[in-house]
Amino acid sequence: MTERKDIPVFDFVTRIHDLWWNTWFLLTSGDFEKGHYNTMTVAWGYFGVMWSKPMAVVVVRPTRFTFEFMEKYDTFTLTAFDNKYKKDLNLLGTKSGRDGDKIAETGLTVVPSVTVAAPAFKEAEL
C-alpha cells in the first residue's frame, strides 16, 4: 500500500502542465460510506488559486454517469496514478458504471478519503 502523507495545499509544488500531460487521473464522486460512487478517467483540468482559495477544476460531460454523482454529491477526489495502471484507468475511462461494477474489473482498491465523502484509491500516487 502507498503510504499516505498529508500535504498542505500551499506546500504542494509540481510542474502542473507536466502533471496533467504525463499522469492519468481518476475523478471519483459519491460517498464511500454509502457505497454509492462512480469514477472516470480525466486528462484535463486546472489546479490553481482563485480569490485566494485553492481550487481544482474539471470538466465532465452531462452524458457521463459520473456527472450524475457530481450533481448529487458535494465532493469529489482526483487521484493520480503511475503509468503501470494505464490498463485499469483506460477501462475506467471507456466503460460506464451504468453497465455494472467497472471498478471490480480492475486491480484497483477503493479506500475512504481522509477529508471528503468521495473515495480515493489505495494504488494512487497522489
N, C-alpha and C. Protein backbone atom coordinates (compact mmCIF):
# COMPACT_ATOMS: atom_id res chain seq x y z
N MET A 1 0.84 -1.18 0.00
CA MET A 1 0.00 0.00 0.00
C MET A 1 0.88 1.24 0.00
N THR A 2 0.47 2.24 -0.75
CA THR A 2 1.17 3.51 -0.77
C THR A 2 0.92 4.22 0.55
N GLU A 3 2.00 4.67 1.18
CA GLU A 3 1.85 5.40 2.44
C GLU A 3 1.30 6.79 2.14
N ARG A 4 0.25 7.17 2.82
CA ARG A 4 -0.36 8.48 2.62
C ARG A 4 0.32 9.52 3.50
N LYS A 5 0.57 10.67 2.91
CA LYS A 5 1.20 11.77 3.62
C LYS A 5 0.38 13.02 3.35
N ASP A 6 -0.04 13.70 4.39
CA ASP A 6 -0.81 14.93 4.24
C ASP A 6 0.11 16.03 3.71
N ILE A 7 -0.30 16.65 2.62
CA ILE A 7 0.46 17.76 2.05
C ILE A 7 -0.43 18.99 2.10
N PRO A 8 -0.10 19.97 2.94
CA PRO A 8 -0.89 21.20 2.94
C PRO A 8 -0.93 21.78 1.52
N VAL A 9 -2.09 22.24 1.11
CA VAL A 9 -2.31 22.63 -0.27
C VAL A 9 -1.29 23.64 -0.77
N PHE A 10 -0.89 24.59 0.05
CA PHE A 10 0.06 25.60 -0.42
C PHE A 10 1.51 25.12 -0.34
N ASP A 11 1.73 23.91 0.18
CA ASP A 11 3.05 23.29 0.16
C ASP A 11 3.22 22.34 -1.02
N PHE A 12 2.13 22.07 -1.73
CA PHE A 12 2.18 21.18 -2.88
C PHE A 12 2.83 21.91 -4.05
N VAL A 13 3.97 21.40 -4.49
CA VAL A 13 4.70 22.02 -5.59
C VAL A 13 4.92 20.97 -6.67
N THR A 14 4.56 21.31 -7.89
CA THR A 14 4.74 20.39 -9.02
C THR A 14 4.80 21.19 -10.31
N ARG A 15 5.24 20.54 -11.35
CA ARG A 15 5.18 21.13 -12.69
C ARG A 15 3.79 20.80 -13.23
N ILE A 16 2.86 21.72 -13.08
CA ILE A 16 1.45 21.45 -13.29
C ILE A 16 1.13 20.97 -14.71
N HIS A 17 1.74 21.57 -15.72
CA HIS A 17 1.47 21.12 -17.09
C HIS A 17 1.98 19.70 -17.30
N ASP A 18 3.13 19.41 -16.73
CA ASP A 18 3.69 18.06 -16.83
C ASP A 18 2.79 17.06 -16.12
N LEU A 19 2.25 17.45 -14.99
CA LEU A 19 1.36 16.56 -14.23
C LEU A 19 0.14 16.19 -15.06
N TRP A 20 -0.52 17.17 -15.67
CA TRP A 20 -1.71 16.88 -16.49
C TRP A 20 -1.34 16.14 -17.77
N TRP A 21 -0.19 16.44 -18.35
CA TRP A 21 0.20 15.85 -19.62
C TRP A 21 0.64 14.40 -19.48
N ASN A 22 1.37 14.08 -18.41
CA ASN A 22 2.01 12.78 -18.27
C ASN A 22 1.40 11.85 -17.22
N THR A 23 0.38 12.30 -16.54
CA THR A 23 -0.21 11.49 -15.47
C THR A 23 -1.68 11.23 -15.79
N TRP A 24 -2.12 10.05 -15.49
CA TRP A 24 -3.54 9.73 -15.64
C TRP A 24 -4.22 9.93 -14.30
N PHE A 25 -5.38 10.55 -14.32
CA PHE A 25 -6.15 10.81 -13.11
C PHE A 25 -7.47 10.06 -13.15
N LEU A 26 -7.96 9.73 -11.96
CA LEU A 26 -9.34 9.31 -11.81
C LEU A 26 -10.08 10.39 -11.06
N LEU A 27 -11.23 10.76 -11.54
CA LEU A 27 -12.15 11.65 -10.85
C LEU A 27 -13.23 10.74 -10.27
N THR A 28 -13.41 10.80 -8.97
CA THR A 28 -14.38 9.94 -8.30
C THR A 28 -15.32 10.80 -7.48
N SER A 29 -16.61 10.59 -7.67
CA SER A 29 -17.61 11.34 -6.92
C SER A 29 -18.59 10.36 -6.30
N GLY A 30 -19.13 10.76 -5.16
CA GLY A 30 -20.10 9.92 -4.45
C GLY A 30 -19.79 9.89 -2.97
N ASP A 31 -20.18 8.80 -2.33
CA ASP A 31 -19.99 8.66 -0.89
C ASP A 31 -19.48 7.26 -0.58
N PHE A 32 -18.26 7.18 -0.08
CA PHE A 32 -17.64 5.88 0.23
C PHE A 32 -18.45 5.10 1.25
N GLU A 33 -18.85 5.77 2.34
CA GLU A 33 -19.57 5.09 3.42
C GLU A 33 -20.90 4.50 2.94
N LYS A 34 -21.56 5.18 2.02
CA LYS A 34 -22.83 4.69 1.47
C LYS A 34 -22.63 3.66 0.36
N GLY A 35 -21.38 3.50 -0.08
CA GLY A 35 -21.10 2.58 -1.18
C GLY A 35 -21.70 3.04 -2.49
N HIS A 36 -21.90 4.35 -2.62
CA HIS A 36 -22.53 4.91 -3.81
C HIS A 36 -21.58 5.93 -4.44
N TYR A 37 -20.87 5.50 -5.46
CA TYR A 37 -19.88 6.37 -6.10
C TYR A 37 -19.59 5.85 -7.50
N ASN A 38 -18.98 6.69 -8.29
CA ASN A 38 -18.54 6.31 -9.63
C ASN A 38 -17.25 7.05 -9.94
N THR A 39 -16.49 6.49 -10.85
CA THR A 39 -15.20 7.08 -11.21
C THR A 39 -15.04 7.11 -12.72
N MET A 40 -14.22 8.02 -13.19
CA MET A 40 -13.90 8.10 -14.61
C MET A 40 -12.49 8.66 -14.76
N THR A 41 -11.86 8.34 -15.86
CA THR A 41 -10.54 8.86 -16.16
C THR A 41 -10.66 10.29 -16.68
N VAL A 42 -9.77 11.16 -16.22
CA VAL A 42 -9.71 12.52 -16.75
C VAL A 42 -8.26 12.86 -17.09
N ALA A 43 -8.08 13.62 -18.13
CA ALA A 43 -6.75 14.04 -18.55
C ALA A 43 -6.73 15.54 -18.83
N TRP A 44 -7.66 16.25 -18.25
CA TRP A 44 -7.74 17.69 -18.44
C TRP A 44 -8.24 18.31 -17.14
N GLY A 45 -7.85 19.53 -16.92
CA GLY A 45 -8.32 20.21 -15.72
C GLY A 45 -7.42 21.37 -15.36
N TYR A 46 -7.60 21.84 -14.16
CA TYR A 46 -6.88 23.03 -13.69
C TYR A 46 -6.69 22.93 -12.19
N PHE A 47 -5.49 23.18 -11.75
CA PHE A 47 -5.20 23.39 -10.33
C PHE A 47 -4.69 24.81 -10.21
N GLY A 48 -5.20 25.55 -9.26
CA GLY A 48 -4.74 26.92 -9.12
C GLY A 48 -5.36 27.61 -7.93
N VAL A 49 -5.37 28.92 -8.01
CA VAL A 49 -5.90 29.75 -6.94
C VAL A 49 -6.83 30.78 -7.55
N MET A 50 -7.99 30.95 -6.95
CA MET A 50 -8.93 31.98 -7.37
C MET A 50 -9.47 32.65 -6.11
N TRP A 51 -9.41 33.96 -6.07
CA TRP A 51 -9.84 34.74 -4.91
C TRP A 51 -9.19 34.21 -3.63
N SER A 52 -7.91 33.91 -3.73
CA SER A 52 -7.09 33.43 -2.60
C SER A 52 -7.52 32.06 -2.07
N LYS A 53 -8.27 31.32 -2.85
CA LYS A 53 -8.71 29.97 -2.46
C LYS A 53 -8.11 28.95 -3.42
N PRO A 54 -7.51 27.88 -2.88
CA PRO A 54 -7.02 26.82 -3.77
C PRO A 54 -8.19 26.13 -4.43
N MET A 55 -8.00 25.71 -5.69
CA MET A 55 -9.11 25.06 -6.37
C MET A 55 -8.62 24.06 -7.41
N ALA A 56 -9.48 23.13 -7.72
CA ALA A 56 -9.29 22.20 -8.82
C ALA A 56 -10.54 22.31 -9.69
N VAL A 57 -10.34 22.37 -10.99
CA VAL A 57 -11.45 22.46 -11.92
C VAL A 57 -11.35 21.28 -12.89
N VAL A 58 -12.46 20.60 -13.08
CA VAL A 58 -12.54 19.53 -14.07
C VAL A 58 -13.81 19.73 -14.88
N VAL A 59 -13.81 19.19 -16.07
CA VAL A 59 -14.97 19.31 -16.95
C VAL A 59 -15.51 17.90 -17.21
N VAL A 60 -16.80 17.72 -16.92
CA VAL A 60 -17.44 16.41 -17.11
C VAL A 60 -18.67 16.61 -17.98
N ARG A 61 -18.74 15.87 -19.06
CA ARG A 61 -19.91 15.96 -19.95
C ARG A 61 -21.17 15.49 -19.22
N PRO A 62 -22.29 16.15 -19.43
CA PRO A 62 -23.55 15.74 -18.79
C PRO A 62 -23.98 14.32 -19.13
N THR A 63 -23.48 13.77 -20.23
CA THR A 63 -23.86 12.41 -20.62
C THR A 63 -23.10 11.34 -19.82
N ARG A 64 -22.05 11.73 -19.11
CA ARG A 64 -21.26 10.76 -18.35
C ARG A 64 -21.99 10.38 -17.07
N PHE A 65 -21.92 9.12 -16.70
CA PHE A 65 -22.55 8.62 -15.47
C PHE A 65 -22.00 9.36 -14.25
N THR A 66 -20.72 9.66 -14.25
CA THR A 66 -20.10 10.38 -13.13
C THR A 66 -20.73 11.75 -12.94
N PHE A 67 -21.21 12.36 -14.01
CA PHE A 67 -21.86 13.68 -13.91
C PHE A 67 -23.02 13.64 -12.92
N GLU A 68 -23.80 12.56 -12.95
CA GLU A 68 -24.92 12.42 -12.02
C GLU A 68 -24.45 12.44 -10.56
N PHE A 69 -23.32 11.83 -10.30
CA PHE A 69 -22.75 11.81 -8.95
C PHE A 69 -22.22 13.20 -8.58
N MET A 70 -21.63 13.89 -9.54
CA MET A 70 -21.13 15.25 -9.29
C MET A 70 -22.29 16.19 -8.95
N GLU A 71 -23.43 15.97 -9.57
CA GLU A 71 -24.61 16.79 -9.29
C GLU A 71 -25.22 16.46 -7.92
N LYS A 72 -25.17 15.21 -7.52
CA LYS A 72 -25.81 14.77 -6.28
C LYS A 72 -24.95 15.01 -5.04
N TYR A 73 -23.64 14.82 -5.17
CA TYR A 73 -22.75 14.89 -4.00
C TYR A 73 -21.89 16.15 -4.05
N ASP A 74 -21.52 16.62 -2.86
CA ASP A 74 -20.77 17.87 -2.74
C ASP A 74 -19.27 17.72 -2.98
N THR A 75 -18.75 16.50 -2.95
CA THR A 75 -17.30 16.33 -3.04
C THR A 75 -16.91 15.36 -4.15
N PHE A 76 -15.66 15.50 -4.56
CA PHE A 76 -15.05 14.54 -5.48
C PHE A 76 -13.57 14.46 -5.16
N THR A 77 -12.93 13.41 -5.64
CA THR A 77 -11.49 13.28 -5.49
C THR A 77 -10.85 13.18 -6.86
N LEU A 78 -9.62 13.65 -6.94
CA LEU A 78 -8.77 13.45 -8.11
C LEU A 78 -7.57 12.66 -7.62
N THR A 79 -7.35 11.50 -8.20
CA THR A 79 -6.23 10.67 -7.80
C THR A 79 -5.35 10.42 -9.02
N ALA A 80 -4.03 10.51 -8.82
CA ALA A 80 -3.07 10.35 -9.90
C ALA A 80 -2.35 9.01 -9.77
N PHE A 81 -2.06 8.40 -10.91
CA PHE A 81 -1.51 7.05 -10.93
C PHE A 81 -0.24 6.95 -11.77
N ASP A 82 0.60 6.03 -11.38
CA ASP A 82 1.77 5.65 -12.15
C ASP A 82 1.30 5.03 -13.47
N ASN A 83 2.13 5.10 -14.49
CA ASN A 83 1.78 4.57 -15.81
C ASN A 83 1.49 3.07 -15.80
N LYS A 84 1.96 2.34 -14.81
CA LYS A 84 1.70 0.90 -14.78
C LYS A 84 0.21 0.58 -14.60
N TYR A 85 -0.58 1.58 -14.22
CA TYR A 85 -2.03 1.39 -14.04
C TYR A 85 -2.85 1.85 -15.25
N LYS A 86 -2.18 2.16 -16.36
CA LYS A 86 -2.90 2.68 -17.53
C LYS A 86 -3.98 1.73 -18.04
N LYS A 87 -3.74 0.43 -17.99
CA LYS A 87 -4.74 -0.53 -18.47
C LYS A 87 -6.02 -0.39 -17.64
N ASP A 88 -5.87 -0.31 -16.31
CA ASP A 88 -7.04 -0.15 -15.43
C ASP A 88 -7.73 1.18 -15.67
N LEU A 89 -6.94 2.26 -15.78
CA LEU A 89 -7.54 3.57 -15.97
C LEU A 89 -8.20 3.70 -17.34
N ASN A 90 -7.64 3.03 -18.34
CA ASN A 90 -8.27 3.03 -19.66
C ASN A 90 -9.64 2.36 -19.59
N LEU A 91 -9.73 1.24 -18.87
CA LEU A 91 -11.02 0.57 -18.70
C LEU A 91 -12.01 1.49 -18.00
N LEU A 92 -11.56 2.17 -16.95
CA LEU A 92 -12.45 3.05 -16.19
C LEU A 92 -12.87 4.28 -16.98
N GLY A 93 -12.13 4.62 -18.02
CA GLY A 93 -12.48 5.75 -18.86
C GLY A 93 -13.32 5.38 -20.07
N THR A 94 -13.41 4.08 -20.36
CA THR A 94 -14.15 3.67 -21.55
C THR A 94 -15.44 2.90 -21.23
N LYS A 95 -15.52 2.31 -20.06
CA LYS A 95 -16.74 1.61 -19.65
C LYS A 95 -17.58 2.52 -18.77
N SER A 96 -18.87 2.33 -18.80
CA SER A 96 -19.77 3.11 -17.96
C SER A 96 -20.13 2.33 -16.71
N GLY A 97 -20.19 3.04 -15.59
CA GLY A 97 -20.65 2.45 -14.34
C GLY A 97 -22.14 2.11 -14.39
N ARG A 98 -22.85 2.64 -15.37
CA ARG A 98 -24.27 2.29 -15.54
C ARG A 98 -24.43 0.81 -15.89
N ASP A 99 -23.40 0.26 -16.53
CA ASP A 99 -23.47 -1.10 -17.05
C ASP A 99 -22.97 -2.16 -16.08
N GLY A 100 -22.52 -1.76 -14.91
CA GLY A 100 -22.01 -2.73 -13.94
C GLY A 100 -20.88 -2.15 -13.12
N ASP A 101 -20.28 -2.98 -12.29
CA ASP A 101 -19.20 -2.55 -11.40
C ASP A 101 -17.87 -2.59 -12.13
N LYS A 102 -17.57 -1.53 -12.86
CA LYS A 102 -16.35 -1.49 -13.64
C LYS A 102 -15.10 -1.46 -12.76
N ILE A 103 -15.20 -0.90 -11.56
CA ILE A 103 -14.04 -0.87 -10.66
C ILE A 103 -13.62 -2.29 -10.30
N ALA A 104 -14.59 -3.19 -10.11
CA ALA A 104 -14.29 -4.58 -9.77
C ALA A 104 -13.53 -5.29 -10.89
N GLU A 105 -13.62 -4.77 -12.11
CA GLU A 105 -12.91 -5.37 -13.25
C GLU A 105 -11.45 -4.96 -13.29
N THR A 106 -11.04 -4.05 -12.42
CA THR A 106 -9.65 -3.59 -12.37
C THR A 106 -8.95 -4.21 -11.17
N GLY A 107 -7.68 -3.92 -11.04
CA GLY A 107 -6.93 -4.35 -9.86
C GLY A 107 -6.84 -3.26 -8.82
N LEU A 108 -7.69 -2.24 -8.92
CA LEU A 108 -7.62 -1.09 -8.02
C LEU A 108 -8.50 -1.29 -6.79
N THR A 109 -8.08 -0.65 -5.70
CA THR A 109 -8.76 -0.80 -4.41
C THR A 109 -9.31 0.54 -3.96
N VAL A 110 -10.62 0.62 -3.77
CA VAL A 110 -11.27 1.84 -3.29
C VAL A 110 -11.05 1.94 -1.79
N VAL A 111 -10.67 3.13 -1.33
CA VAL A 111 -10.45 3.38 0.10
C VAL A 111 -11.12 4.70 0.48
N PRO A 112 -11.42 4.88 1.76
CA PRO A 112 -12.00 6.17 2.16
C PRO A 112 -10.99 7.29 1.99
N SER A 113 -11.48 8.44 1.63
CA SER A 113 -10.65 9.63 1.58
C SER A 113 -10.49 10.16 3.00
N VAL A 114 -9.46 10.93 3.22
CA VAL A 114 -9.19 11.46 4.56
C VAL A 114 -10.15 12.58 4.94
N THR A 115 -10.51 13.43 3.98
CA THR A 115 -11.26 14.64 4.35
C THR A 115 -12.63 14.81 3.70
N VAL A 116 -12.94 14.02 2.68
CA VAL A 116 -14.23 14.17 2.00
C VAL A 116 -14.93 12.82 1.90
N ALA A 117 -16.21 12.84 1.56
CA ALA A 117 -17.00 11.61 1.46
C ALA A 117 -16.63 10.77 0.24
N ALA A 118 -16.23 11.41 -0.84
CA ALA A 118 -15.86 10.68 -2.05
C ALA A 118 -14.62 9.83 -1.79
N PRO A 119 -14.58 8.62 -2.33
CA PRO A 119 -13.44 7.74 -2.07
C PRO A 119 -12.20 8.08 -2.87
N ALA A 120 -11.12 7.44 -2.48
CA ALA A 120 -9.84 7.52 -3.18
C ALA A 120 -9.43 6.09 -3.55
N PHE A 121 -8.21 5.92 -4.02
CA PHE A 121 -7.71 4.60 -4.40
C PHE A 121 -6.38 4.34 -3.73
N LYS A 122 -6.25 3.14 -3.19
CA LYS A 122 -5.04 2.75 -2.46
C LYS A 122 -3.80 2.85 -3.35
N GLU A 123 -3.91 2.53 -4.61
CA GLU A 123 -2.76 2.48 -5.51
C GLU A 123 -2.34 3.85 -6.04
N ALA A 124 -3.11 4.88 -5.78
CA ALA A 124 -2.81 6.21 -6.33
C ALA A 124 -1.53 6.78 -5.72
N GLU A 125 -0.79 7.51 -6.54
CA GLU A 125 0.42 8.19 -6.08
C GLU A 125 0.11 9.54 -5.44
N LEU A 126 -0.97 10.14 -5.88
CA LEU A 126 -1.32 11.48 -5.40
C LEU A 126 -2.83 11.58 -5.27
